[in-house]
Protein backbone atom coordinates (compact mmCIF):
# COMPACT_ATOMS: atom_id res chain seq x y z
CA UNK A 1 0.00 0.00 0.00
CA UNK A 2 1.41 3.34 -1.02
CA UNK A 3 0.31 6.18 1.27
CA UNK A 4 0.18 9.24 -0.98
CA UNK A 5 -2.17 12.07 -1.87
CA UNK A 6 -5.15 11.13 -4.03
CA UNK A 7 -7.21 8.01 -4.53
CA UNK A 8 -5.80 4.80 -3.08
CA UNK A 9 -8.12 2.70 -5.18
CA UNK A 10 -6.44 -0.39 -6.69
CA UNK A 11 -3.23 0.12 -4.63
CA UNK A 12 -3.54 -2.70 -2.13
CA UNK A 13 -0.22 -4.51 -2.50
CA UNK A 14 2.61 -4.14 -0.02
CA UNK A 15 6.16 -2.97 -0.58
CA UNK A 16 8.59 -2.24 2.26
CA UNK A 17 10.17 0.78 0.59
CA UNK A 18 6.85 2.38 -0.32
CA UNK A 19 5.18 1.79 3.03
CA UNK A 20 7.73 2.40 5.76
CA UNK A 21 8.71 6.00 5.05
CA UNK A 22 5.20 7.37 4.34
CA UNK A 23 3.86 5.35 7.29
CA UNK A 24 6.34 6.98 9.65
CA UNK A 25 5.22 10.39 8.39
CA UNK A 26 1.59 9.44 8.84
CA UNK A 27 2.18 8.30 12.42
CA UNK A 28 3.99 11.57 13.09
CA UNK A 29 1.02 13.48 11.70
CA UNK A 30 -1.40 11.55 13.91
CA UNK A 31 0.75 12.16 16.96
CA UNK A 32 0.81 15.91 16.38
CA UNK A 33 -2.81 16.24 15.34
CA UNK A 34 -2.31 17.04 11.64
CA UNK A 35 -5.43 16.43 9.55
CA UNK A 36 -5.58 14.64 6.21
CA UNK A 37 -5.41 16.52 2.93
CA UNK A 38 -8.72 17.88 1.67
CA UNK A 39 -9.84 16.25 -1.58
CA UNK A 40 -11.41 18.91 -3.81
CA UNK A 41 -12.03 16.97 -7.02
CA UNK A 42 -11.49 13.46 -8.37
CA UNK A 43 -11.80 11.88 -11.83
CA UNK A 44 -11.52 8.09 -11.94
CA UNK A 45 -12.15 6.31 -15.25
CA UNK A 46 -13.41 3.15 -13.55
CA UNK A 47 -16.62 4.99 -12.69
CA UNK A 48 -17.38 5.57 -16.40
CA UNK A 49 -18.49 3.60 -19.46
CA UNK A 50 -15.85 2.76 -22.12
CA UNK A 51 -16.39 4.67 -25.34
CA UNK A 52 -17.98 7.66 -23.61
CA UNK A 53 -16.41 11.10 -23.32
CA UNK A 54 -14.38 11.87 -20.16
CA UNK A 55 -16.07 14.22 -17.67
CA UNK A 56 -13.50 16.96 -18.33
CA UNK A 57 -13.54 18.20 -21.92
CA UNK A 58 -11.71 20.50 -24.33
CA UNK A 59 -11.21 23.95 -22.81
CA UNK A 60 -9.00 25.45 -25.52
CA UNK A 61 -8.00 24.84 -29.15
CA UNK A 62 -9.45 22.58 -31.84
CA UNK A 63 -9.37 18.78 -31.55
CA UNK A 64 -10.03 18.12 -35.29
CA UNK A 65 -9.75 14.32 -35.76
CA UNK A 66 -8.21 13.56 -32.35
CA UNK A 67 -10.25 11.26 -30.09
CA UNK A 68 -10.68 11.78 -26.33
CA UNK A 69 -12.59 8.93 -24.68
CA UNK A 70 -12.87 6.43 -21.83
CA UNK A 71 -11.04 3.22 -22.78
CA UNK A 72 -10.43 -0.21 -21.21
CA UNK A 73 -7.57 -1.61 -23.34
CA UNK A 74 -4.67 -0.23 -21.26
CA UNK A 75 -4.87 0.31 -17.50
CA UNK A 76 -2.21 0.36 -14.81
CA UNK A 77 -3.42 -2.72 -12.94
CA UNK A 78 -4.87 -4.67 -15.87
CA UNK A 79 -8.53 -3.97 -15.12
CA UNK A 80 -10.97 -1.08 -15.15
CA UNK A 81 -10.70 1.93 -17.47
CA UNK A 82 -8.47 4.88 -18.34
CA UNK A 83 -8.84 8.16 -20.23
CA UNK A 84 -7.38 7.89 -23.75
CA UNK A 85 -6.13 10.59 -26.10
CA UNK A 86 -5.93 8.83 -29.47
CA UNK A 87 -4.33 10.32 -32.59
CA UNK A 88 -4.32 8.17 -35.73
CA UNK A 89 -1.91 8.44 -38.68
CA UNK A 90 -4.65 9.13 -41.21
CA UNK A 91 -6.32 11.84 -39.12
CA UNK A 92 -5.96 15.61 -39.08
CA UNK A 93 -4.14 16.41 -35.79
CA UNK A 94 -5.49 19.12 -33.55
CA UNK A 95 -3.89 21.57 -31.15
CA UNK A 96 -5.82 21.66 -27.90
CA UNK A 97 -6.21 20.66 -24.27
CA UNK A 98 -8.82 19.40 -21.81
CA UNK A 99 -9.41 20.70 -18.31
CA UNK A 100 -11.65 22.30 -15.73
CA UNK A 101 -12.07 25.01 -13.12
CA UNK A 102 -10.39 24.13 -9.81
CA UNK A 103 -12.92 24.24 -6.93
CA UNK A 104 -12.49 27.12 -4.50
CA UNK A 105 -10.12 26.47 -1.60
CA UNK A 106 -8.42 28.16 1.33
CA UNK A 107 -5.12 26.41 1.88
CA UNK A 108 -1.35 26.87 1.76
CA UNK A 109 -0.84 24.27 -0.98
CA UNK A 110 -2.76 22.86 -3.93
CA UNK A 111 -1.91 19.28 -4.98
CA UNK A 112 -2.49 17.79 -8.44
CA UNK A 113 -2.05 14.07 -9.02
CA UNK A 114 -2.24 12.22 -12.34
CA UNK A 115 -1.37 8.70 -13.55
CA UNK A 116 -0.21 8.32 -17.16
CA UNK A 117 1.33 6.04 -19.79
CA UNK A 118 2.35 7.16 -23.29
CA UNK A 119 2.61 5.05 -26.45
CA UNK A 120 4.27 6.25 -29.64
CA UNK A 121 7.57 7.97 -30.52
CA UNK A 122 9.14 9.62 -27.48
CA UNK A 123 9.56 12.87 -29.41
CA UNK A 124 5.80 13.03 -30.13
CA UNK A 125 4.02 11.12 -27.33
CA UNK A 126 4.14 13.78 -24.63
CA UNK A 127 1.81 16.13 -22.76
CA UNK A 128 1.86 18.94 -20.23
CA UNK A 129 -0.05 19.70 -17.07
CA UNK A 130 -0.82 23.39 -16.69
CA UNK A 131 -2.42 25.66 -14.10
CA UNK A 132 -3.72 29.16 -14.77
CA UNK A 133 -5.17 31.99 -12.73
CA UNK A 134 -7.56 32.81 -15.57
CA UNK A 135 -8.04 31.79 -19.19
CA UNK A 136 -5.48 34.42 -20.23
CA UNK A 137 -3.04 34.20 -17.30
CA UNK A 138 -0.84 31.09 -17.25
CA UNK A 139 1.09 30.26 -14.09
CA UNK A 140 2.99 26.95 -14.11
CA UNK A 141 3.61 23.84 -16.20
CA UNK A 142 4.68 20.28 -15.46
CA UNK A 143 5.80 18.93 -18.84
CA UNK A 144 5.69 15.15 -19.28
CA UNK A 145 8.15 14.31 -22.04
CA UNK A 146 9.94 16.47 -24.61
CA UNK A 147 10.26 16.93 -28.38
CA UNK A 148 13.90 15.89 -27.84
CA UNK A 149 12.85 12.55 -26.30
CA UNK A 150 14.53 11.08 -23.18
CA UNK A 151 11.23 11.45 -21.23
CA UNK A 152 12.03 14.25 -18.76
CA UNK A 153 9.56 15.71 -16.28
CA UNK A 154 10.07 19.47 -16.31
CA UNK A 155 8.63 22.15 -14.04
CA UNK A 156 8.22 25.61 -15.62
CA UNK A 157 7.36 28.95 -14.06
CA UNK A 158 5.44 30.78 -16.80
CA UNK A 159 6.45 34.27 -15.68
CA UNK A 160 8.63 36.65 -17.71
CA UNK A 161 11.74 34.58 -16.96
CA UNK A 162 10.25 31.20 -17.95
CA UNK A 163 12.56 29.52 -15.47
CA UNK A 164 12.50 25.72 -15.74
CA UNK A 165 13.95 22.68 -13.99
CA UNK A 166 14.10 19.01 -15.08
CA UNK A 167 13.09 17.25 -11.87
CA UNK A 168 13.00 13.59 -12.96
CA UNK A 169 12.66 11.16 -15.90
CA UNK A 170 9.79 8.71 -16.35
CA UNK A 171 9.85 5.14 -17.69
CA UNK A 172 7.83 5.00 -20.92
CA UNK A 173 7.36 1.24 -20.60
CA UNK A 174 5.45 1.60 -17.32
CA UNK A 175 2.50 3.46 -15.85
CA UNK A 176 3.74 6.53 -14.02
CA UNK A 177 2.15 8.90 -11.53
CA UNK A 178 3.07 12.48 -10.74
CA UNK A 179 2.02 14.39 -7.63
CA UNK A 180 2.56 18.12 -8.07
CA UNK A 181 2.66 20.29 -4.92
CA UNK A 182 2.09 24.01 -5.64
CA UNK A 183 2.40 26.68 -2.91
CA UNK A 184 -0.42 29.26 -2.77
CA UNK A 185 0.68 31.75 -0.08
CA UNK A 186 0.58 35.05 -1.97
CA UNK A 187 3.72 37.18 -1.79
CA UNK A 188 5.97 34.34 -0.62
CA UNK A 189 8.85 32.67 -2.44
CA UNK A 190 8.67 28.90 -2.09
CA UNK A 191 9.59 25.77 -3.99
CA UNK A 192 6.90 23.82 -5.82
CA UNK A 193 7.67 20.11 -5.71
CA UNK A 194 6.98 17.11 -7.93
CA UNK A 195 6.97 13.46 -6.87
CA UNK A 196 7.24 10.71 -9.51
CA UNK A 197 6.15 7.10 -8.99
CA UNK A 198 5.83 3.97 -11.14
CA UNK A 199 3.23 1.25 -10.71
CA UNK A 200 4.47 -2.23 -9.76
CA UNK A 201 1.92 -4.92 -10.62
CA UNK A 202 3.67 -7.59 -8.53
CA UNK A 203 3.03 -5.66 -5.33
CA UNK A 204 0.06 -3.66 -6.71
CA UNK A 205 1.61 -0.45 -5.38
CA UNK A 206 3.08 2.84 -6.51
CA UNK A 207 6.85 3.06 -5.96
CA UNK A 208 8.61 6.40 -5.68
CA UNK A 209 11.30 7.14 -8.28
CA UNK A 210 14.21 9.03 -6.73
CA UNK A 211 13.39 11.96 -4.48
CA UNK A 212 10.91 14.76 -4.97
CA UNK A 213 12.55 17.73 -6.70
CA UNK A 214 11.27 21.23 -7.27
CA UNK A 215 11.50 24.74 -8.68
CA UNK A 216 11.51 27.94 -6.62
CA UNK A 217 8.71 30.37 -7.51
CA UNK A 218 7.31 33.66 -6.26
CA UNK A 219 3.61 33.19 -5.58
CA UNK A 220 1.77 36.04 -7.31
CA UNK A 221 -1.56 34.40 -8.23
CA UNK A 222 -3.70 31.45 -7.19
CA UNK A 223 -4.26 28.44 -9.47
CA UNK A 224 -7.89 28.41 -10.64
CA UNK A 225 -7.82 26.46 -13.92
CA UNK A 226 -6.22 23.09 -14.71
CA UNK A 227 -5.40 21.76 -18.19
CA UNK A 228 -3.83 18.74 -19.83
CA UNK A 229 -2.28 20.08 -23.03
CA UNK A 230 -1.95 17.56 -25.87
CA UNK A 231 0.88 17.77 -28.44
CA UNK A 232 0.32 19.10 -31.95
CA UNK A 233 2.64 16.57 -33.67
CA UNK A 234 1.20 14.71 -36.66
CA UNK A 235 2.55 11.27 -35.67
CA UNK A 236 0.11 8.64 -34.33
CA UNK A 237 0.18 8.45 -30.52
CA UNK A 238 -1.91 7.12 -27.64
CA UNK A 239 -1.78 8.93 -24.30
CA UNK A 240 -3.44 7.19 -21.35
CA UNK A 241 -4.39 9.00 -18.13
CA UNK A 242 -6.18 8.00 -14.91
CA UNK A 243 -6.90 8.92 -11.31
CA UNK A 244 -6.75 12.69 -11.65
CA UNK A 245 -7.24 14.37 -8.28
CA UNK A 246 -7.04 17.88 -6.86
CA UNK A 247 -6.39 18.29 -3.12
CA UNK A 248 -5.34 21.02 -0.71
CA UNK A 249 -2.86 21.01 2.17
CA UNK A 250 -1.87 23.21 5.06
CA UNK A 251 1.78 24.10 5.68
CA UNK A 252 1.85 21.70 8.63
CA UNK A 253 0.60 18.82 6.48
CA UNK A 254 3.08 19.70 3.74
CA UNK A 255 6.01 19.81 6.15
CA UNK A 256 5.18 16.26 7.24
CA UNK A 257 4.84 14.97 3.68
CA UNK A 258 8.05 16.70 2.62
CA UNK A 259 10.03 14.41 4.93
CA UNK A 260 8.97 11.49 2.73
CA UNK A 261 8.95 12.87 -0.80
CA UNK A 262 12.34 14.60 -0.56
CA UNK A 263 14.15 11.48 0.65
CA UNK A 264 16.06 9.32 -1.83
CA UNK A 265 14.90 5.72 -1.90
């Protein structure tokens, strides 16, 4: 069992390395009275019918011949469903993204978690997670993959400097999961963090890859819109996503979690 932010559904195996460190942090939290993270929104494909449209739809651009649907052919534990972005070779590729308004919150941190697996050329099969303050005011990106390949995970501060940091690399052959911790205390300079995990079917658990790394930002606006941006490449690709959650944390809760996600396994 991997104790992390978001849905724990389908993660019932046991792994010493994934349990011990988060469990110690959880016990510390209980001892000092820290409450659990507040779940604001959750999208799980298992609750939906294959072939139907996902509950979060296009919120910018033009999809043209691209397909965005619930699918049951590729899932991280071999059962249930996932959200599929499907681009075929004979189709007219679009340039667009799908997303939603983030529910209102009063917290020190906002947490975005998303499972994913990409099929197709590494230079084309990629995506980005994005948060905005408004439809015209972009804040931050977590890019999954690159046009250069090599499968980096890159945090970007979309201010005038466009400062970026490669914080990890994902394994294209496996299901991966990112948990993105974004500070929301206006006027403060803090580091947003990203935790990467891969799914192990033998233990049915998420296993952390390296330590959580981050990028220092000055908090000037609050995240209010979330997007998954799809690539505009013409090559055929299939991008699978699942278990998208939005949560909030206090500074006390984040300090406890930080002890786990910043440690090297």
